[in-house]
Amino acid sequence: MAGLDVDGTALEAAWLASVTAVLDRATLPVPEGPRTGAWAAGAGRQGLHTESFGRMLAEMQHLHRSHPGASW
């Protein structure tokens, strides 16, 4: 697929418009995403994580520690 140029900004805008329309019809708010609000992209490197990420990380650490040297 040489020569295929994708305009990420336009693609994201189109996606957000589509998702927003669906959520509006369902009378649901658009949740904050990785580019908005307190959870800006890169915040994880500053130690800012969601609660669900903490649970997932704990599970991954448990598996790693329970099975040293294992590969998946």
PDB file of N, CA and C in Angstrom:
ATOM      1  N   MET A   1       0.820  -1.175   0.000  1.00  0.00           N
ATOM      2  CA  MET A   1       0.000   0.000   0.000  1.00  0.00           C
ATOM      3  C   MET A   1       0.869   1.245   0.000  1.00  0.00           C
ATOM      4  N   ALA A   2       1.861   1.227  -0.793  1.00  0.00           N
ATOM      5  CA  ALA A   2       2.742   2.385  -0.882  1.00  0.00           C
ATOM      6  C   ALA A   2       1.960   3.575  -1.420  1.00  0.00           C
ATOM      7  N   GLY A   3       2.275   4.727  -0.871  1.00  0.00           N
ATOM      8  CA  GLY A   3       1.642   5.947  -1.355  1.00  0.00           C
ATOM      9  C   GLY A   3       0.298   6.247  -0.717  1.00  0.00           C
ATOM     10  N   LEU A   4      -0.128   5.419   0.244  1.00  0.00           N
ATOM     11  CA  LEU A   4      -1.409   5.650   0.898  1.00  0.00           C
ATOM     12  C   LEU A   4      -1.198   6.651   2.031  1.00  0.00           C
ATOM     13  N   ASP A   5      -1.756   7.832   1.894  1.00  0.00           N
ATOM     14  CA  ASP A   5      -1.647   8.856   2.926  1.00  0.00           C
ATOM     15  C   ASP A   5      -2.955   8.937   3.693  1.00  0.00           C
ATOM     16  N   VAL A   6      -2.841   8.929   4.992  1.00  0.00           N
ATOM     17  CA  VAL A   6      -4.014   9.015   5.852  1.00  0.00           C
ATOM     18  C   VAL A   6      -3.912  10.294   6.668  1.00  0.00           C
ATOM     19  N   ASP A   7      -4.960  11.081   6.615  1.00  0.00           N
ATOM     20  CA  ASP A   7      -5.018  12.305   7.407  1.00  0.00           C
ATOM     21  C   ASP A   7      -5.630  11.938   8.762  1.00  0.00           C
ATOM     22  N   GLY A   8      -4.762  11.718   9.750  1.00  0.00           N
ATOM     23  CA  GLY A   8      -5.216  11.279  11.066  1.00  0.00           C
ATOM     24  C   GLY A   8      -6.172  12.249  11.728  1.00  0.00           C
ATOM     25  N   THR A   9      -5.933  13.525  11.553  1.00  0.00           N
ATOM     26  CA  THR A   9      -6.793  14.536  12.162  1.00  0.00           C
ATOM     27  C   THR A   9      -8.199  14.475  11.569  1.00  0.00           C
ATOM     28  N   ALA A  10      -8.281  14.365  10.249  1.00  0.00           N
ATOM     29  CA  ALA A  10      -9.592  14.274   9.589  1.00  0.00           C
ATOM     30  C   ALA A  10     -10.295  12.973   9.949  1.00  0.00           C
ATOM     31  N   LEU A  11      -9.527  11.890  10.030  1.00  0.00           N
ATOM     32  CA  LEU A  11     -10.110  10.603  10.385  1.00  0.00           C
ATOM     33  C   LEU A  11     -10.670  10.633  11.803  1.00  0.00           C
ATOM     34  N   GLU A  12      -9.914  11.212  12.719  1.00  0.00           N
ATOM     35  CA  GLU A  12     -10.379  11.316  14.103  1.00  0.00           C
ATOM     36  C   GLU A  12     -11.629  12.196  14.199  1.00  0.00           C
ATOM     37  N   ALA A  13     -11.636  13.303  13.463  1.00  0.00           N
ATOM     38  CA  ALA A  13     -12.792  14.205  13.484  1.00  0.00           C
ATOM     39  C   ALA A  13     -14.040  13.504  12.958  1.00  0.00           C
ATOM     40  N   ALA A  14     -13.882  12.744  11.887  1.00  0.00           N
ATOM     41  CA  ALA A  14     -15.023  12.020  11.312  1.00  0.00           C
ATOM     42  C   ALA A  14     -15.520  10.950  12.283  1.00  0.00           C
ATOM     43  N   TRP A  15     -14.580  10.254  12.916  1.00  0.00           N
ATOM     44  CA  TRP A  15     -14.957   9.221  13.886  1.00  0.00           C
ATOM     45  C   TRP A  15     -15.698   9.843  15.064  1.00  0.00           C
ATOM     46  N   LEU A  16     -15.148  10.931  15.598  1.00  0.00           N
ATOM     47  CA  LEU A  16     -15.767  11.587  16.750  1.00  0.00           C
ATOM     48  C   LEU A  16     -17.159  12.099  16.407  1.00  0.00           C
ATOM     49  N   ALA A  17     -17.338  12.639  15.208  1.00  0.00           N
ATOM     50  CA  ALA A  17     -18.657  13.117  14.791  1.00  0.00           C
ATOM     51  C   ALA A  17     -19.652  11.962  14.731  1.00  0.00           C
ATOM     52  N   SER A  18     -19.212  10.831  14.208  1.00  0.00           N
ATOM     53  CA  SER A  18     -20.081   9.665  14.097  1.00  0.00           C
ATOM     54  C   SER A  18     -20.460   9.129  15.477  1.00  0.00           C
ATOM     55  N   VAL A  19     -19.477   8.986  16.351  1.00  0.00           N
ATOM     56  CA  VAL A  19     -19.730   8.478  17.695  1.00  0.00           C
ATOM     57  C   VAL A  19     -20.595   9.453  18.491  1.00  0.00           C
ATOM     58  N   THR A  20     -20.320  10.729  18.363  1.00  0.00           N
ATOM     59  CA  THR A  20     -21.106  11.746  19.068  1.00  0.00           C
ATOM     60  C   THR A  20     -22.565  11.701  18.641  1.00  0.00           C
ATOM     61  N   ALA A  21     -22.821  11.507  17.359  1.00  0.00           N
ATOM     62  CA  ALA A  21     -24.202  11.429  16.869  1.00  0.00           C
ATOM     63  C   ALA A  21     -24.935  10.249  17.503  1.00  0.00           C
ATOM     64  N   VAL A  22     -24.264   9.112  17.604  1.00  0.00           N
ATOM     65  CA  VAL A  22     -24.882   7.921  18.213  1.00  0.00           C
ATOM     66  C   VAL A  22     -25.146   8.165  19.697  1.00  0.00           C
ATOM     67  N   LEU A  23     -24.154   8.716  20.392  1.00  0.00           N
ATOM     68  CA  LEU A  23     -24.332   8.979  21.818  1.00  0.00           C
ATOM     69  C   LEU A  23     -25.413  10.023  22.071  1.00  0.00           C
ATOM     70  N   ASP A  24     -25.490  11.027  21.222  1.00  0.00           N
ATOM     71  CA  ASP A  24     -26.546  12.035  21.353  1.00  0.00           C
ATOM     72  C   ASP A  24     -27.925  11.407  21.231  1.00  0.00           C
ATOM     73  N   ARG A  25     -28.103  10.511  20.254  1.00  0.00           N
ATOM     74  CA  ARG A  25     -29.399   9.838  20.078  1.00  0.00           C
ATOM     75  C   ARG A  25     -29.747   8.987  21.296  1.00  0.00           C
ATOM     76  N   ALA A  26     -28.719   8.479  21.957  1.00  0.00           N
ATOM     77  CA  ALA A  26     -28.940   7.651  23.148  1.00  0.00           C
ATOM     78  C   ALA A  26     -28.986   8.494  24.417  1.00  0.00           C
ATOM     79  N   THR A  27     -28.937   9.789  24.263  1.00  0.00           N
ATOM     80  CA  THR A  27     -28.916  10.758  25.369  1.00  0.00           C
ATOM     81  C   THR A  27     -27.789  10.472  26.367  1.00  0.00           C
ATOM     82  N   LEU A  28     -26.629  10.126  25.821  1.00  0.00           N
ATOM     83  CA  LEU A  28     -25.451   9.865  26.637  1.00  0.00           C
ATOM     84  C   LEU A  28     -24.396  10.929  26.354  1.00  0.00           C
ATOM     85  N   PRO A  29     -23.648  11.314  27.361  1.00  0.00           N
ATOM     86  CA  PRO A  29     -22.582  12.292  27.128  1.00  0.00           C
ATOM     87  C   PRO A  29     -21.376  11.627  26.472  1.00  0.00           C
ATOM     88  N   VAL A  30     -20.612  12.400  25.759  1.00  0.00           N
ATOM     89  CA  VAL A  30     -19.353  11.895  25.198  1.00  0.00           C
ATOM     90  C   VAL A  30     -18.350  11.872  26.344  1.00  0.00           C
ATOM     91  N   PRO A  31     -17.800  10.692  26.667  1.00  0.00           N
ATOM     92  CA  PRO A  31     -16.864  10.635  27.788  1.00  0.00           C
ATOM     93  C   PRO A  31     -15.549  11.336  27.461  1.00  0.00           C
ATOM     94  N   GLU A  32     -14.866  11.743  28.503  1.00  0.00           N
ATOM     95  CA  GLU A  32     -13.555  12.328  28.291  1.00  0.00           C
ATOM     96  C   GLU A  32     -12.650  11.253  27.707  1.00  0.00           C
ATOM     97  N   GLY A  33     -11.834  11.647  26.771  1.00  0.00           N
ATOM     98  CA  GLY A  33     -10.933  10.701  26.141  1.00  0.00           C
ATOM     99  C   GLY A  33      -9.493  11.027  26.433  1.00  0.00           C
ATOM    100  N   PRO A  34      -8.587  10.325  25.772  1.00  0.00           N
ATOM    101  CA  PRO A  34      -7.163  10.518  26.043  1.00  0.00           C
ATOM    102  C   PRO A  34      -6.638  11.895  25.641  1.00  0.00           C
ATOM    103  N   ARG A  35      -7.396  12.647  24.868  1.00  0.00           N
ATOM    104  CA  ARG A  35      -6.936  13.972  24.438  1.00  0.00           C
ATOM    105  C   ARG A  35      -7.676  15.102  25.139  1.00  0.00           C
ATOM    106  N   THR A  36      -8.561  14.757  26.063  1.00  0.00           N
ATOM    107  CA  THR A  36      -9.346  15.791  26.736  1.00  0.00           C
ATOM    108  C   THR A  36      -9.341  15.565  28.236  1.00  0.00           C
ATOM    109  N   GLY A  37      -9.664  16.568  28.949  1.00  0.00           N
ATOM    110  CA  GLY A  37      -9.835  16.445  30.388  1.00  0.00           C
ATOM    111  C   GLY A  37      -8.549  16.126  31.121  1.00  0.00           C
ATOM    112  N   ALA A  38      -8.711  15.559  32.309  1.00  0.00           N
ATOM    113  CA  ALA A  38      -7.577  15.277  33.181  1.00  0.00           C
ATOM    114  C   ALA A  38      -6.677  14.178  32.636  1.00  0.00           C
ATOM    115  N   TRP A  39      -7.201  13.332  31.763  1.00  0.00           N
ATOM    116  CA  TRP A  39      -6.439  12.183  31.288  1.00  0.00           C
ATOM    117  C   TRP A  39      -5.825  12.462  29.936  1.00  0.00           C
ATOM    118  N   ALA A  40      -5.032  13.497  29.845  1.00  0.00           N
ATOM    119  CA  ALA A  40      -4.371  13.835  28.588  1.00  0.00           C
ATOM    120  C   ALA A  40      -3.356  12.758  28.227  1.00  0.00           C
ATOM    121  N   ALA A  41      -3.153  12.566  26.942  1.00  0.00           N
ATOM    122  CA  ALA A  41      -2.190  11.571  26.472  1.00  0.00           C
ATOM    123  C   ALA A  41      -0.841  11.808  27.126  1.00  0.00           C
ATOM    124  N   GLY A  42      -0.228  10.743  27.596  1.00  0.00           N
ATOM    125  CA  GLY A  42       1.060  10.844  28.242  1.00  0.00           C
ATOM    126  C   GLY A  42       0.976  10.973  29.748  1.00  0.00           C
ATOM    127  N   ALA A  43      -0.222  11.122  30.279  1.00  0.00           N
ATOM    128  CA  ALA A  43      -0.371  11.300  31.720  1.00  0.00           C
ATOM    129  C   ALA A  43       0.042  10.047  32.485  1.00  0.00           C
ATOM    130  N   GLY A  44      -0.019   8.887  31.853  1.00  0.00           N
ATOM    131  CA  GLY A  44       0.394   7.653  32.507  1.00  0.00           C
ATOM    132  C   GLY A  44       1.845   7.688  32.933  1.00  0.00           C
ATOM    133  N   ARG A  45       2.664   8.355  32.178  1.00  0.00           N
ATOM    134  CA  ARG A  45       4.075   8.470  32.530  1.00  0.00           C
ATOM    135  C   ARG A  45       4.270   9.365  33.741  1.00  0.00           C
ATOM    136  N   GLN A  46       3.243  10.112  34.072  1.00  0.00           N
ATOM    137  CA  GLN A  46       3.287  10.967  35.258  1.00  0.00           C
ATOM    138  C   GLN A  46       2.586  10.291  36.440  1.00  0.00           C
ATOM    139  N   GLY A  47       2.194   9.044  36.262  1.00  0.00           N
ATOM    140  CA  GLY A  47       1.544   8.298  37.331  1.00  0.00           C
ATOM    141  C   GLY A  47       0.047   8.483  37.414  1.00  0.00           C
ATOM    142  N   LEU A  48      -0.570   9.085  36.405  1.00  0.00           N
ATOM    143  CA  LEU A  48      -2.025   9.288  36.401  1.00  0.00           C
ATOM    144  C   LEU A  48      -2.679   8.166  35.603  1.00  0.00           C
ATOM    145  N   HIS A  49      -3.389   7.287  36.303  1.00  0.00           N
ATOM    146  CA  HIS A  49      -4.048   6.154  35.650  1.00  0.00           C
ATOM    147  C   HIS A  49      -5.484   6.049  36.142  1.00  0.00           C
ATOM    148  N   THR A  50      -6.310   5.424  35.335  1.00  0.00           N
ATOM    149  CA  THR A  50      -7.684   5.177  35.749  1.00  0.00           C
ATOM    150  C   THR A  50      -7.715   4.000  36.714  1.00  0.00           C
ATOM    151  N   GLU A  51      -8.802   3.876  37.426  1.00  0.00           N
ATOM    152  CA  GLU A  51      -8.954   2.768  38.371  1.00  0.00           C
ATOM    153  C   GLU A  51      -8.908   1.430  37.650  1.00  0.00           C
ATOM    154  N   SER A  52      -9.540   1.339  36.498  1.00  0.00           N
ATOM    155  CA  SER A  52      -9.549   0.065  35.766  1.00  0.00           C
ATOM    156  C   SER A  52      -8.150  -0.323  35.295  1.00  0.00           C
ATOM    157  N   PHE A  53      -7.319   0.654  34.957  1.00  0.00           N
ATOM    158  CA  PHE A  53      -5.949   0.341  34.567  1.00  0.00           C
ATOM    159  C   PHE A  53      -5.189  -0.256  35.750  1.00  0.00           C
ATOM    160  N   GLY A  54      -5.420   0.282  36.939  1.00  0.00           N
ATOM    161  CA  GLY A  54      -4.756  -0.245  38.125  1.00  0.00           C
ATOM    162  C   GLY A  54      -5.081  -1.704  38.361  1.00  0.00           C
ATOM    163  N   ARG A  55      -6.351  -2.081  38.195  1.00  0.00           N
ATOM    164  CA  ARG A  55      -6.748  -3.489  38.356  1.00  0.00           C
ATOM    165  C   ARG A  55      -6.104  -4.364  37.288  1.00  0.00           C
ATOM    166  N   MET A  56      -6.070  -3.878  36.052  1.00  0.00           N
ATOM    167  CA  MET A  56      -5.459  -4.648  34.969  1.00  0.00           C
ATOM    168  C   MET A  56      -3.961  -4.817  35.218  1.00  0.00           C
ATOM    169  N   LEU A  57      -3.285  -3.767  35.649  1.00  0.00           N
ATOM    170  CA  LEU A  57      -1.855  -3.840  35.924  1.00  0.00           C
ATOM    171  C   LEU A  57      -1.569  -4.826  37.046  1.00  0.00           C
ATOM    172  N   ALA A  58      -2.378  -4.810  38.098  1.00  0.00           N
ATOM    173  CA  ALA A  58      -2.195  -5.750  39.205  1.00  0.00           C
ATOM    174  C   ALA A  58      -2.335  -7.191  38.728  1.00  0.00           C
ATOM    175  N   GLU A  59      -3.294  -7.439  37.855  1.00  0.00           N
ATOM    176  CA  GLU A  59      -3.490  -8.791  37.304  1.00  0.00           C
ATOM    177  C   GLU A  59      -2.286  -9.216  36.477  1.00  0.00           C
ATOM    178  N   MET A  60      -1.780  -8.324  35.639  1.00  0.00           N
ATOM    179  CA  MET A  60      -0.615  -8.656  34.814  1.00  0.00           C
ATOM    180  C   MET A  60       0.608  -8.914  35.683  1.00  0.00           C
ATOM    181  N   GLN A  61       0.795  -8.105  36.733  1.00  0.00           N
ATOM    182  CA  GLN A  61       1.932  -8.304  37.621  1.00  0.00           C
ATOM    183  C   GLN A  61       1.809  -9.629  38.359  1.00  0.00           C
ATOM    184  N   HIS A  62       0.596  -9.985  38.782  1.00  0.00           N
ATOM    185  CA  HIS A  62       0.377 -11.262  39.459  1.00  0.00           C
ATOM    186  C   HIS A  62       0.755 -12.423  38.544  1.00  0.00           C
ATOM    187  N   LEU A  63       0.305 -12.372  37.299  1.00  0.00           N
ATOM    188  CA  LEU A  63       0.637 -13.446  36.354  1.00  0.00           C
ATOM    189  C   LEU A  63       2.134 -13.537  36.128  1.00  0.00           C
ATOM    190  N   HIS A  64       2.777 -12.410  35.951  1.00  0.00           N
ATOM    191  CA  HIS A  64       4.221 -12.395  35.716  1.00  0.00           C
ATOM    192  C   HIS A  64       4.977 -12.986  36.904  1.00  0.00           C
ATOM    193  N   ARG A  65       4.561 -12.619  38.097  1.00  0.00           N
ATOM    194  CA  ARG A  65       5.245 -13.093  39.308  1.00  0.00           C
ATOM    195  C   ARG A  65       4.921 -14.553  39.606  1.00  0.00           C
ATOM    196  N   SER A  66       3.744 -15.011  39.220  1.00  0.00           N
ATOM    197  CA  SER A  66       3.342 -16.397  39.462  1.00  0.00           C
ATOM    198  C   SER A  66       4.000 -17.369  38.493  1.00  0.00           C
ATOM    199  N   HIS A  67       4.383 -16.883  37.330  1.00  0.00           N
ATOM    200  CA  HIS A  67       4.956 -17.734  36.291  1.00  0.00           C
ATOM    201  C   HIS A  67       6.230 -17.103  35.741  1.00  0.00           C
ATOM    202  N   PRO A  68       7.288 -17.040  36.554  1.00  0.00           N
ATOM    203  CA  PRO A  68       8.526 -16.397  36.079  1.00  0.00           C
ATOM    204  C   PRO A  68       9.089 -17.131  34.870  1.00  0.00           C
ATOM    205  N   GLY A  69       9.522 -16.370  33.892  1.00  0.00           N
ATOM    206  CA  GLY A  69      10.118 -16.949  32.690  1.00  0.00           C
ATOM    207  C   GLY A  69       9.121 -17.408  31.641  1.00  0.00           C
ATOM    208  N   ALA A  70       7.825 -17.348  31.953  1.00  0.00           N
ATOM    209  CA  ALA A  70       6.810 -17.781  30.984  1.00  0.00           C
ATOM    210  C   ALA A  70       6.715 -16.764  29.854  1.00  0.00           C
ATOM    211  N   SER A  71       6.314 -17.244  28.704  1.00  0.00           N
ATOM    212  CA  SER A  71       6.068 -16.344  27.584  1.00  0.00           C
ATOM    213  C   SER A  71       4.715 -16.670  26.990  1.00  0.00           C
ATOM    214  N   TRP A  72       4.044 -15.635  26.495  1.00  0.00           N
ATOM    215  CA  TRP A  72       2.706 -15.821  25.930  1.00  0.00           C
ATOM    216  C   TRP A  72       2.729 -15.434  24.491  1.00  0.00           C
TER     217      TRP A  72
END
